[in-house]
Amino acid sequence: MGKRASGDAAPPLQVFRVFGNEPFWNADVEGDRLTYSTPDDPAGLVLQGRRCAIPGGVEIAGSHHGRPFVLTVIEDECSDGMSGDNYPLAARFRFGDIDFGGCGEAAK
C-alpha cells in the first residue's frame, strides 16, 4: 500500500498506480499529481489536481486545459479482467466525457 504516517489507521495512498483495459489506460499517482497515459500516448499527460480523502480511499480532481478529471481510488479487491490477477485497489477515472474503470496497487 502507499506510505502511512505513524498512528494512521488507514494508508493515505500517496504513491500508487492504477490501470485498466478496454480501453487500455494507466495513471501513476504521487500525492495530488497523476501521469495519465495510453498506448497511443505512452509519455502521457501530467495532471495536477486537488486531493481529498474519501471513505476507504482517495479522490483527486481537477482540470487540464478545460477538460475536467476525477480519479477515485478505494481499497477493494479488484481483478483486471484479462489476466485474472487480483489487486488491492479499485479505480474509477473520468477524463472529460470518458469513463475508465480499473485496478491499482502501491507503486513499485
PDB file of N, CA and C in Angstrom:
ATOM      1  N   MET A   1       0.834  -1.172   0.000  1.00  0.00           N
ATOM      2  CA  MET A   1       0.000   0.000   0.000  1.00  0.00           C
ATOM      3  C   MET A   1       0.883   1.241   0.000  1.00  0.00           C
ATOM      4  N   GLY A   2       0.284   2.389  -0.078  1.00  0.00           N
ATOM      5  CA  GLY A   2       1.015   3.647  -0.076  1.00  0.00           C
ATOM      6  C   GLY A   2       1.660   3.924   1.267  1.00  0.00           C
ATOM      7  N   LYS A   3       2.327   5.062   1.375  1.00  0.00           N
ATOM      8  CA  LYS A   3       3.007   5.431   2.615  1.00  0.00           C
ATOM      9  C   LYS A   3       2.002   5.721   3.714  1.00  0.00           C
ATOM     10  N   ARG A   4       2.364   5.405   4.949  1.00  0.00           N
ATOM     11  CA  ARG A   4       1.473   5.606   6.088  1.00  0.00           C
ATOM     12  C   ARG A   4       2.185   6.424   7.156  1.00  0.00           C
ATOM     13  N   ALA A   5       1.523   7.466   7.620  1.00  0.00           N
ATOM     14  CA  ALA A   5       2.065   8.264   8.715  1.00  0.00           C
ATOM     15  C   ALA A   5       1.900   7.480  10.017  1.00  0.00           C
ATOM     16  N   SER A   6       2.817   7.671  10.931  1.00  0.00           N
ATOM     17  CA  SER A   6       2.765   6.975  12.208  1.00  0.00           C
ATOM     18  C   SER A   6       1.434   7.224  12.908  1.00  0.00           C
ATOM     19  N   GLY A   7       0.757   6.147  13.298  1.00  0.00           N
ATOM     20  CA  GLY A   7      -0.505   6.256  14.012  1.00  0.00           C
ATOM     21  C   GLY A   7      -1.737   6.299  13.125  1.00  0.00           C
ATOM     22  N   ASP A   8      -1.582   6.413  11.802  1.00  0.00           N
ATOM     23  CA  ASP A   8      -2.735   6.417  10.907  1.00  0.00           C
ATOM     24  C   ASP A   8      -3.380   5.043  10.881  1.00  0.00           C
ATOM     25  N   ALA A   9      -4.690   4.997  10.922  1.00  0.00           N
ATOM     26  CA  ALA A   9      -5.421   3.734  10.870  1.00  0.00           C
ATOM     27  C   ALA A   9      -5.528   3.219   9.438  1.00  0.00           C
ATOM     28  N   ALA A  10      -5.553   4.116   8.473  1.00  0.00           N
ATOM     29  CA  ALA A  10      -5.670   3.711   7.078  1.00  0.00           C
ATOM     30  C   ALA A  10      -4.597   4.424   6.258  1.00  0.00           C
ATOM     31  N   PRO A  11      -4.016   3.733   5.293  1.00  0.00           N
ATOM     32  CA  PRO A  11      -2.982   4.380   4.489  1.00  0.00           C
ATOM     33  C   PRO A  11      -3.564   5.505   3.636  1.00  0.00           C
ATOM     34  N   PRO A  12      -2.851   6.611   3.499  1.00  0.00           N
ATOM     35  CA  PRO A  12      -3.366   7.719   2.709  1.00  0.00           C
ATOM     36  C   PRO A  12      -3.149   7.569   1.202  1.00  0.00           C
ATOM     37  N   LEU A  13      -2.591   6.439   0.775  1.00  0.00           N
ATOM     38  CA  LEU A  13      -2.410   6.188  -0.653  1.00  0.00           C
ATOM     39  C   LEU A  13      -1.678   7.331  -1.345  1.00  0.00           C
ATOM     40  N   GLN A  14      -0.443   7.576  -0.967  1.00  0.00           N
ATOM     41  CA  GLN A  14       0.327   8.684  -1.538  1.00  0.00           C
ATOM     42  C   GLN A  14       0.918   8.360  -2.905  1.00  0.00           C
ATOM     43  N   VAL A  15       1.499   7.164  -3.048  1.00  0.00           N
ATOM     44  CA  VAL A  15       2.174   6.795  -4.293  1.00  0.00           C
ATOM     45  C   VAL A  15       1.636   5.438  -4.739  1.00  0.00           C
ATOM     46  N   PHE A  16       0.977   5.425  -5.893  1.00  0.00           N
ATOM     47  CA  PHE A  16       0.401   4.178  -6.394  1.00  0.00           C
ATOM     48  C   PHE A  16       0.178   4.282  -7.890  1.00  0.00           C
ATOM     49  N   ARG A  17      -0.201   3.175  -8.487  1.00  0.00           N
ATOM     50  CA  ARG A  17      -0.533   3.182  -9.910  1.00  0.00           C
ATOM     51  C   ARG A  17      -1.888   2.532 -10.098  1.00  0.00           C
ATOM     52  N   VAL A  18      -2.635   3.023 -11.061  1.00  0.00           N
ATOM     53  CA  VAL A  18      -3.931   2.456 -11.414  1.00  0.00           C
ATOM     54  C   VAL A  18      -3.927   2.215 -12.917  1.00  0.00           C
ATOM     55  N   PHE A  19      -4.747   1.273 -13.364  1.00  0.00           N
ATOM     56  CA  PHE A  19      -4.697   0.873 -14.762  1.00  0.00           C
ATOM     57  C   PHE A  19      -5.967   0.117 -15.121  1.00  0.00           C
ATOM     58  N   GLY A  20      -6.244   0.050 -16.391  1.00  0.00           N
ATOM     59  CA  GLY A  20      -7.406  -0.684 -16.859  1.00  0.00           C
ATOM     60  C   GLY A  20      -7.243  -1.072 -18.315  1.00  0.00           C
ATOM     61  N   ASN A  21      -8.205  -1.848 -18.790  1.00  0.00           N
ATOM     62  CA  ASN A  21      -8.176  -2.255 -20.186  1.00  0.00           C
ATOM     63  C   ASN A  21      -9.551  -2.070 -20.808  1.00  0.00           C
ATOM     64  N   GLU A  22      -9.558  -2.103 -22.128  1.00  0.00           N
ATOM     65  CA  GLU A  22     -10.785  -1.896 -22.921  1.00  0.00           C
ATOM     66  C   GLU A  22     -11.484  -0.597 -22.574  1.00  0.00           C
ATOM     67  N   PRO A  23     -10.891   0.549 -22.776  1.00  0.00           N
ATOM     68  CA  PRO A  23      -9.592   0.793 -23.407  1.00  0.00           C
ATOM     69  C   PRO A  23      -8.451   0.722 -22.383  1.00  0.00           C
ATOM     70  N   PHE A  24      -7.245   0.477 -22.885  1.00  0.00           N
ATOM     71  CA  PHE A  24      -6.075   0.426 -22.018  1.00  0.00           C
ATOM     72  C   PHE A  24      -5.714   1.835 -21.569  1.00  0.00           C
ATOM     73  N   TRP A  25      -5.436   1.967 -20.270  1.00  0.00           N
ATOM     74  CA  TRP A  25      -5.037   3.244 -19.698  1.00  0.00           C
ATOM     75  C   TRP A  25      -4.210   2.967 -18.453  1.00  0.00           C
ATOM     76  N   ASN A  26      -3.493   3.982 -18.008  1.00  0.00           N
ATOM     77  CA  ASN A  26      -2.625   3.861 -16.845  1.00  0.00           C
ATOM     78  C   ASN A  26      -2.481   5.241 -16.222  1.00  0.00           C
ATOM     79  N   ALA A  27      -2.377   5.297 -14.901  1.00  0.00           N
ATOM     80  CA  ALA A  27      -2.057   6.552 -14.227  1.00  0.00           C
ATOM     81  C   ALA A  27      -1.118   6.254 -13.070  1.00  0.00           C
ATOM     82  N   ASP A  28       0.019   6.912 -13.064  1.00  0.00           N
ATOM     83  CA  ASP A  28       0.957   6.848 -11.952  1.00  0.00           C
ATOM     84  C   ASP A  28       0.668   8.056 -11.074  1.00  0.00           C
ATOM     85  N   VAL A  29       0.410   7.801  -9.804  1.00  0.00           N
ATOM     86  CA  VAL A  29      -0.028   8.855  -8.896  1.00  0.00           C
ATOM     87  C   VAL A  29       1.010   9.091  -7.818  1.00  0.00           C
ATOM     88  N   GLU A  30       1.293  10.364  -7.579  1.00  0.00           N
ATOM     89  CA  GLU A  30       2.169  10.760  -6.480  1.00  0.00           C
ATOM     90  C   GLU A  30       1.568  12.010  -5.859  1.00  0.00           C
ATOM     91  N   GLY A  31       1.025  11.850  -4.645  1.00  0.00           N
ATOM     92  CA  GLY A  31       0.371  12.978  -3.967  1.00  0.00           C
ATOM     93  C   GLY A  31      -0.868  13.409  -4.719  1.00  0.00           C
ATOM     94  N   ASP A  32      -0.892  14.682  -5.167  1.00  0.00           N
ATOM     95  CA  ASP A  32      -2.045  15.205  -5.889  1.00  0.00           C
ATOM     96  C   ASP A  32      -1.776  15.355  -7.392  1.00  0.00           C
ATOM     97  N   ARG A  33      -0.738  14.682  -7.862  1.00  0.00           N
ATOM     98  CA  ARG A  33      -0.367  14.735  -9.276  1.00  0.00           C
ATOM     99  C   ARG A  33      -0.432  13.333  -9.870  1.00  0.00           C
ATOM    100  N   LEU A  34      -0.984  13.232 -11.067  1.00  0.00           N
ATOM    101  CA  LEU A  34      -1.003  11.934 -11.734  1.00  0.00           C
ATOM    102  C   LEU A  34      -0.544  12.093 -13.168  1.00  0.00           C
ATOM    103  N   THR A  35       0.096  11.042 -13.664  1.00  0.00           N
ATOM    104  CA  THR A  35       0.503  10.997 -15.066  1.00  0.00           C
ATOM    105  C   THR A  35      -0.348   9.952 -15.744  1.00  0.00           C
ATOM    106  N   TYR A  36      -1.247  10.414 -16.614  1.00  0.00           N
ATOM    107  CA  TYR A  36      -2.204   9.570 -17.325  1.00  0.00           C
ATOM    108  C   TYR A  36      -1.626   9.219 -18.694  1.00  0.00           C
ATOM    109  N   SER A  37      -1.598   7.924 -19.018  1.00  0.00           N
ATOM    110  CA  SER A  37      -1.068   7.513 -20.310  1.00  0.00           C
ATOM    111  C   SER A  37      -1.924   6.413 -20.926  1.00  0.00           C
ATOM    112  N   THR A  38      -1.781   6.273 -22.239  1.00  0.00           N
ATOM    113  CA  THR A  38      -2.469   5.248 -23.011  1.00  0.00           C
ATOM    114  C   THR A  38      -1.458   4.673 -24.003  1.00  0.00           C
ATOM    115  N   PRO A  39      -1.784   3.567 -24.667  1.00  0.00           N
ATOM    116  CA  PRO A  39      -0.862   3.051 -25.691  1.00  0.00           C
ATOM    117  C   PRO A  39      -0.608   4.070 -26.813  1.00  0.00           C
ATOM    118  N   ASP A  40      -1.591   4.917 -27.118  1.00  0.00           N
ATOM    119  CA  ASP A  40      -1.409   5.944 -28.147  1.00  0.00           C
ATOM    120  C   ASP A  40      -0.567   7.117 -27.663  1.00  0.00           C
ATOM    121  N   ASP A  41      -0.463   7.300 -26.361  1.00  0.00           N
ATOM    122  CA  ASP A  41       0.309   8.397 -25.774  1.00  0.00           C
ATOM    123  C   ASP A  41       1.092   7.871 -24.567  1.00  0.00           C
ATOM    124  N   PRO A  42       2.152   7.059 -24.822  1.00  0.00           N
ATOM    125  CA  PRO A  42       2.881   6.456 -23.701  1.00  0.00           C
ATOM    126  C   PRO A  42       3.602   7.464 -22.806  1.00  0.00           C
ATOM    127  N   ALA A  43       3.956   8.642 -23.332  1.00  0.00           N
ATOM    128  CA  ALA A  43       4.599   9.667 -22.490  1.00  0.00           C
ATOM    129  C   ALA A  43       3.589  10.233 -21.504  1.00  0.00           C
ATOM    130  N   GLY A  44       2.331  10.312 -21.916  1.00  0.00           N
ATOM    131  CA  GLY A  44       1.246  10.703 -21.030  1.00  0.00           C
ATOM    132  C   GLY A  44       1.129  12.188 -20.773  1.00  0.00           C
ATOM    133  N   LEU A  45       0.100  12.500 -20.014  1.00  0.00           N
ATOM    134  CA  LEU A  45      -0.184  13.865 -19.581  1.00  0.00           C
ATOM    135  C   LEU A  45      -0.025  13.944 -18.076  1.00  0.00           C
ATOM    136  N   VAL A  46       0.632  14.993 -17.596  1.00  0.00           N
ATOM    137  CA  VAL A  46       0.731  15.230 -16.161  1.00  0.00           C
ATOM    138  C   VAL A  46      -0.455  16.095 -15.763  1.00  0.00           C
ATOM    139  N   LEU A  47      -1.268  15.575 -14.839  1.00  0.00           N
ATOM    140  CA  LEU A  47      -2.464  16.264 -14.379  1.00  0.00           C
ATOM    141  C   LEU A  47      -2.292  16.619 -12.902  1.00  0.00           C
ATOM    142  N   GLN A  48      -2.461  17.879 -12.586  1.00  0.00           N
ATOM    143  CA  GLN A  48      -2.361  18.360 -11.201  1.00  0.00           C
ATOM    144  C   GLN A  48      -3.771  18.574 -10.690  1.00  0.00           C
ATOM    145  N   GLY A  49      -4.091  17.968  -9.554  1.00  0.00           N
ATOM    146  CA  GLY A  49      -5.442  18.083  -9.043  1.00  0.00           C
ATOM    147  C   GLY A  49      -5.500  18.449  -7.579  1.00  0.00           C
ATOM    148  N   ARG A  50      -6.685  18.386  -7.043  1.00  0.00           N
ATOM    149  CA  ARG A  50      -6.955  18.621  -5.620  1.00  0.00           C
ATOM    150  C   ARG A  50      -7.244  17.266  -5.009  1.00  0.00           C
ATOM    151  N   ARG A  51      -6.519  16.932  -3.983  1.00  0.00           N
ATOM    152  CA  ARG A  51      -6.616  15.623  -3.333  1.00  0.00           C
ATOM    153  C   ARG A  51      -7.561  15.699  -2.144  1.00  0.00           C
ATOM    154  N   CYS A  52      -8.438  14.684  -2.025  1.00  0.00           N
ATOM    155  CA  CYS A  52      -9.419  14.666  -0.945  1.00  0.00           C
ATOM    156  C   CYS A  52      -9.570  13.228  -0.445  1.00  0.00           C
ATOM    157  N   ALA A  53      -9.508  13.056   0.868  1.00  0.00           N
ATOM    158  CA  ALA A  53      -9.747  11.730   1.448  1.00  0.00           C
ATOM    159  C   ALA A  53     -11.238  11.414   1.361  1.00  0.00           C
ATOM    160  N   ILE A  54     -11.552  10.182   1.009  1.00  0.00           N
ATOM    161  CA  ILE A  54     -12.930   9.694   0.991  1.00  0.00           C
ATOM    162  C   ILE A  54     -12.954   8.401   1.795  1.00  0.00           C
ATOM    163  N   PRO A  55     -14.108   7.921   2.215  1.00  0.00           N
ATOM    164  CA  PRO A  55     -14.150   6.669   2.980  1.00  0.00           C
ATOM    165  C   PRO A  55     -13.486   5.522   2.206  1.00  0.00           C
ATOM    166  N   GLY A  56     -12.442   4.968   2.778  1.00  0.00           N
ATOM    167  CA  GLY A  56     -11.745   3.837   2.176  1.00  0.00           C
ATOM    168  C   GLY A  56     -10.792   4.175   1.061  1.00  0.00           C
ATOM    169  N   GLY A  57     -10.530   5.458   0.819  1.00  0.00           N
ATOM    170  CA  GLY A  57      -9.634   5.775  -0.284  1.00  0.00           C
ATOM    171  C   GLY A  57      -9.340   7.245  -0.450  1.00  0.00           C
ATOM    172  N   VAL A  58      -9.192   7.629  -1.698  1.00  0.00           N
ATOM    173  CA  VAL A  58      -8.799   8.999  -2.033  1.00  0.00           C
ATOM    174  C   VAL A  58      -9.418   9.389  -3.373  1.00  0.00           C
ATOM    175  N   GLU A  59      -9.636  10.683  -3.530  1.00  0.00           N
ATOM    176  CA  GLU A  59     -10.118  11.217  -4.799  1.00  0.00           C
ATOM    177  C   GLU A  59      -9.229  12.390  -5.182  1.00  0.00           C
ATOM    178  N   ILE A  60      -8.868  12.451  -6.457  1.00  0.00           N
ATOM    179  CA  ILE A  60      -8.072  13.555  -6.979  1.00  0.00           C
ATOM    180  C   ILE A  60      -8.856  14.148  -8.136  1.00  0.00           C
ATOM    181  N   ALA A  61      -9.155  15.445  -8.062  1.00  0.00           N
ATOM    182  CA  ALA A  61      -9.978  16.098  -9.086  1.00  0.00           C
ATOM    183  C   ALA A  61      -9.328  17.392  -9.528  1.00  0.00           C
ATOM    184  N   GLY A  62      -9.565  17.742 -10.775  1.00  0.00           N
ATOM    185  CA  GLY A  62      -9.039  18.988 -11.315  1.00  0.00           C
ATOM    186  C   GLY A  62      -9.454  19.135 -12.762  1.00  0.00           C
ATOM    187  N   SER A  63      -8.691  19.926 -13.500  1.00  0.00           N
ATOM    188  CA  SER A  63      -8.943  20.053 -14.926  1.00  0.00           C
ATOM    189  C   SER A  63      -7.615  20.264 -15.646  1.00  0.00           C
ATOM    190  N   HIS A  64      -7.608  19.889 -16.910  1.00  0.00           N
ATOM    191  CA  HIS A  64      -6.425  20.020 -17.751  1.00  0.00           C
ATOM    192  C   HIS A  64      -6.870  20.683 -19.053  1.00  0.00           C
ATOM    193  N   HIS A  65      -6.455  21.931 -19.258  1.00  0.00           N
ATOM    194  CA  HIS A  65      -6.866  22.704 -20.433  1.00  0.00           C
ATOM    195  C   HIS A  65      -8.377  22.693 -20.605  1.00  0.00           C
ATOM    196  N   GLY A  66      -9.092  22.913 -19.499  1.00  0.00           N
ATOM    197  CA  GLY A  66     -10.551  22.985 -19.521  1.00  0.00           C
ATOM    198  C   GLY A  66     -11.264  21.645 -19.535  1.00  0.00           C
ATOM    199  N   ARG A  67     -10.525  20.568 -19.516  1.00  0.00           N
ATOM    200  CA  ARG A  67     -11.109  19.225 -19.524  1.00  0.00           C
ATOM    201  C   ARG A  67     -11.060  18.667 -18.095  1.00  0.00           C
ATOM    202  N   PRO A  68     -12.216  18.525 -17.425  1.00  0.00           N
ATOM    203  CA  PRO A  68     -12.215  18.070 -16.030  1.00  0.00           C
ATOM    204  C   PRO A  68     -11.803  16.598 -15.897  1.00  0.00           C
ATOM    205  N   PHE A  69     -11.209  16.290 -14.743  1.00  0.00           N
ATOM    206  CA  PHE A  69     -10.893  14.891 -14.446  1.00  0.00           C
ATOM    207  C   PHE A  69     -11.172  14.612 -12.975  1.00  0.00           C
ATOM    208  N   VAL A  70     -11.512  13.359 -12.698  1.00  0.00           N
ATOM    209  CA  VAL A  70     -11.693  12.870 -11.332  1.00  0.00           C
ATOM    210  C   VAL A  70     -11.186  11.440 -11.281  1.00  0.00           C
ATOM    211  N   LEU A  71     -10.237  11.186 -10.397  1.00  0.00           N
ATOM    212  CA  LEU A  71      -9.757   9.832 -10.141  1.00  0.00           C
ATOM    213  C   LEU A  71     -10.205   9.448  -8.743  1.00  0.00           C
ATOM    214  N   THR A  72     -10.951   8.356  -8.635  1.00  0.00           N
ATOM    215  CA  THR A  72     -11.414   7.844  -7.354  1.00  0.00           C
ATOM    216  C   THR A  72     -10.808   6.466  -7.152  1.00  0.00           C
ATOM    217  N   VAL A  73     -10.121   6.288  -6.033  1.00  0.00           N
ATOM    218  CA  VAL A  73      -9.458   5.019  -5.740  1.00  0.00           C
ATOM    219  C   VAL A  73      -9.858   4.598  -4.334  1.00  0.00           C
ATOM    220  N   ILE A  74     -10.327   3.358  -4.212  1.00  0.00           N
ATOM    221  CA  ILE A  74     -10.693   2.832  -2.894  1.00  0.00           C
ATOM    222  C   ILE A  74     -10.003   1.492  -2.669  1.00  0.00           C
ATOM    223  N   GLU A  75      -9.829   1.168  -1.408  1.00  0.00           N
ATOM    224  CA  GLU A  75      -9.285  -0.137  -1.050  1.00  0.00           C
ATOM    225  C   GLU A  75     -10.389  -1.168  -1.225  1.00  0.00           C
ATOM    226  N   ASP A  76     -10.238  -2.000  -2.238  1.00  0.00           N
ATOM    227  CA  ASP A  76     -11.217  -3.036  -2.533  1.00  0.00           C
ATOM    228  C   ASP A  76     -10.556  -4.020  -3.486  1.00  0.00           C
ATOM    229  N   GLU A  77     -10.772  -5.294  -3.271  1.00  0.00           N
ATOM    230  CA  GLU A  77     -10.178  -6.288  -4.158  1.00  0.00           C
ATOM    231  C   GLU A  77     -10.700  -6.078  -5.570  1.00  0.00           C
ATOM    232  N   CYS A  78      -9.786  -6.155  -6.528  1.00  0.00           N
ATOM    233  CA  CYS A  78     -10.123  -5.856  -7.918  1.00  0.00           C
ATOM    234  C   CYS A  78      -9.383  -6.827  -8.828  1.00  0.00           C
ATOM    235  N   SER A  79     -10.066  -7.352  -9.820  1.00  0.00           N
ATOM    236  CA  SER A  79      -9.448  -8.205 -10.835  1.00  0.00           C
ATOM    237  C   SER A  79      -9.396  -7.418 -12.125  1.00  0.00           C
ATOM    238  N   ASP A  80      -8.275  -7.482 -12.829  1.00  0.00           N
ATOM    239  CA  ASP A  80      -8.139  -6.680 -14.043  1.00  0.00           C
ATOM    240  C   ASP A  80      -8.952  -7.215 -15.225  1.00  0.00           C
ATOM    241  N   GLY A  81      -9.544  -8.393 -15.106  1.00  0.00           N
ATOM    242  CA  GLY A  81     -10.426  -8.904 -16.135  1.00  0.00           C
ATOM    243  C   GLY A  81      -9.739  -9.636 -17.271  1.00  0.00           C
ATOM    244  N   MET A  82      -8.456  -9.374 -17.500  1.00  0.00           N
ATOM    245  CA  MET A  82      -7.748 -10.074 -18.579  1.00  0.00           C
ATOM    246  C   MET A  82      -6.834 -11.150 -18.031  1.00  0.00           C
ATOM    247  N   SER A  83      -5.980 -10.782 -17.100  1.00  0.00           N
ATOM    248  CA  SER A  83      -5.014 -11.748 -16.564  1.00  0.00           C
ATOM    249  C   SER A  83      -5.606 -12.576 -15.436  1.00  0.00           C
ATOM    250  N   GLY A  84      -6.672 -12.065 -14.817  1.00  0.00           N
ATOM    251  CA  GLY A  84      -7.229 -12.740 -13.657  1.00  0.00           C
ATOM    252  C   GLY A  84      -6.490 -12.414 -12.371  1.00  0.00           C
ATOM    253  N   ASP A  85      -5.466 -11.551 -12.450  1.00  0.00           N
ATOM    254  CA  ASP A  85      -4.727 -11.140 -11.256  1.00  0.00           C
ATOM    255  C   ASP A  85      -5.611 -10.255 -10.385  1.00  0.00           C
ATOM    256  N   ASN A  86      -5.423 -10.377  -9.082  1.00  0.00           N
ATOM    257  CA  ASN A  86      -6.166  -9.551  -8.131  1.00  0.00           C
ATOM    258  C   ASN A  86      -5.267  -8.452  -7.585  1.00  0.00           C
ATOM    259  N   TYR A  87      -5.863  -7.275  -7.364  1.00  0.00           N
ATOM    260  CA  TYR A  87      -5.148  -6.111  -6.859  1.00  0.00           C
ATOM    261  C   TYR A  87      -5.907  -5.537  -5.676  1.00  0.00           C
ATOM    262  N   PRO A  88      -5.216  -4.803  -4.778  1.00  0.00           N
ATOM    263  CA  PRO A  88      -5.870  -4.314  -3.557  1.00  0.00           C
ATOM    264  C   PRO A  88      -6.663  -3.019  -3.711  1.00  0.00           C
ATOM    265  N   LEU A  89      -6.615  -2.398  -4.893  1.00  0.00           N
ATOM    266  CA  LEU A  89      -7.309  -1.130  -5.097  1.00  0.00           C
ATOM    267  C   LEU A  89      -8.236  -1.210  -6.307  1.00  0.00           C
ATOM    268  N   ALA A  90      -9.390  -0.543  -6.202  1.00  0.00           N
ATOM    269  CA  ALA A  90     -10.307  -0.390  -7.333  1.00  0.00           C
ATOM    270  C   ALA A  90     -10.314   1.087  -7.718  1.00  0.00           C
ATOM    271  N   ALA A  91     -10.339   1.365  -9.026  1.00  0.00           N
ATOM    272  CA  ALA A  91     -10.227   2.740  -9.501  1.00  0.00           C
ATOM    273  C   ALA A  91     -11.310   3.080 -10.512  1.00  0.00           C
ATOM    274  N   ARG A  92     -11.720   4.346 -10.476  1.00  0.00           N
ATOM    275  CA  ARG A  92     -12.592   4.940 -11.494  1.00  0.00           C
ATOM    276  C   ARG A  92     -11.934   6.254 -11.894  1.00  0.00           C
ATOM    277  N   PHE A  93     -11.836   6.471 -13.194  1.00  0.00           N
ATOM    278  CA  PHE A  93     -11.199   7.681 -13.701  1.00  0.00           C
ATOM    279  C   PHE A  93     -12.100   8.275 -14.778  1.00  0.00           C
ATOM    280  N   ARG A  94     -12.499   9.511 -14.590  1.00  0.00           N
ATOM    281  CA  ARG A  94     -13.274  10.233 -15.604  1.00  0.00           C
ATOM    282  C   ARG A  94     -12.419  11.386 -16.090  1.00  0.00           C
ATOM    283  N   PHE A  95     -12.175  11.418 -17.399  1.00  0.00           N
ATOM    284  CA  PHE A  95     -11.369  12.482 -18.004  1.00  0.00           C
ATOM    285  C   PHE A  95     -12.187  13.062 -19.150  1.00  0.00           C
ATOM    286  N   GLY A  96     -12.672  14.274 -18.956  1.00  0.00           N
ATOM    287  CA  GLY A  96     -13.596  14.846 -19.924  1.00  0.00           C
ATOM    288  C   GLY A  96     -14.894  14.065 -19.883  1.00  0.00           C
ATOM    289  N   ASP A  97     -15.299  13.535 -21.019  1.00  0.00           N
ATOM    290  CA  ASP A  97     -16.540  12.759 -21.070  1.00  0.00           C
ATOM    291  C   ASP A  97     -16.293  11.255 -21.190  1.00  0.00           C
ATOM    292  N   ILE A  98     -15.069  10.823 -20.880  1.00  0.00           N
ATOM    293  CA  ILE A  98     -14.724   9.401 -20.975  1.00  0.00           C
ATOM    294  C   ILE A  98     -14.553   8.829 -19.571  1.00  0.00           C
ATOM    295  N   ASP A  99     -15.196   7.682 -19.313  1.00  0.00           N
ATOM    296  CA  ASP A  99     -15.079   6.984 -18.034  1.00  0.00           C
ATOM    297  C   ASP A  99     -14.218   5.740 -18.196  1.00  0.00           C
ATOM    298  N   PHE A 100     -13.309   5.548 -17.242  1.00  0.00           N
ATOM    299  CA  PHE A 100     -12.447   4.374 -17.218  1.00  0.00           C
ATOM    300  C   PHE A 100     -12.638   3.659 -15.896  1.00  0.00           C
ATOM    301  N   GLY A 101     -12.530   2.349 -15.903  1.00  0.00           N
ATOM    302  CA  GLY A 101     -12.533   1.560 -14.680  1.00  0.00           C
ATOM    303  C   GLY A 101     -11.264   0.743 -14.646  1.00  0.00           C
ATOM    304  N   GLY A 102     -10.827   0.395 -13.446  1.00  0.00           N
ATOM    305  CA  GLY A 102      -9.620  -0.413 -13.349  1.00  0.00           C
ATOM    306  C   GLY A 102      -9.243  -0.758 -11.939  1.00  0.00           C
ATOM    307  N   CYS A 103      -8.029  -1.212 -11.809  1.00  0.00           N
ATOM    308  CA  CYS A 103      -7.469  -1.674 -10.537  1.00  0.00           C
ATOM    309  C   CYS A 103      -6.220  -0.866 -10.218  1.00  0.00           C
ATOM    310  N   GLY A 104      -5.664  -1.120  -9.038  1.00  0.00           N
ATOM    311  CA  GLY A 104      -4.457  -0.422  -8.666  1.00  0.00           C
ATOM    312  C   GLY A 104      -3.676  -1.136  -7.589  1.00  0.00           C
ATOM    313  N   GLU A 105      -2.465  -0.620  -7.381  1.00  0.00           N
ATOM    314  CA  GLU A 105      -1.562  -1.164  -6.364  1.00  0.00           C
ATOM    315  C   GLU A 105      -0.544  -0.099  -5.987  1.00  0.00           C
ATOM    316  N   ALA A 106       0.120  -0.311  -4.874  1.00  0.00           N
ATOM    317  CA  ALA A 106       1.174   0.602  -4.451  1.00  0.00           C
ATOM    318  C   ALA A 106       2.264   0.623  -5.526  1.00  0.00           C
ATOM    319  N   ALA A 107       2.892   1.773  -5.709  1.00  0.00           N
ATOM    320  CA  ALA A 107       3.974   1.893  -6.687  1.00  0.00           C
ATOM    321  C   ALA A 107       5.135   1.003  -6.290  1.00  0.00           C
ATOM    322  N   LYS A 108       5.802   0.479  -7.283  1.00  0.00           N
ATOM    323  CA  LYS A 108       6.947  -0.405  -7.033  1.00  0.00           C
ATOM    324  C   LYS A 108       8.241   0.280  -7.336  1.00  0.00           C
TER     325      LYS A 108
END
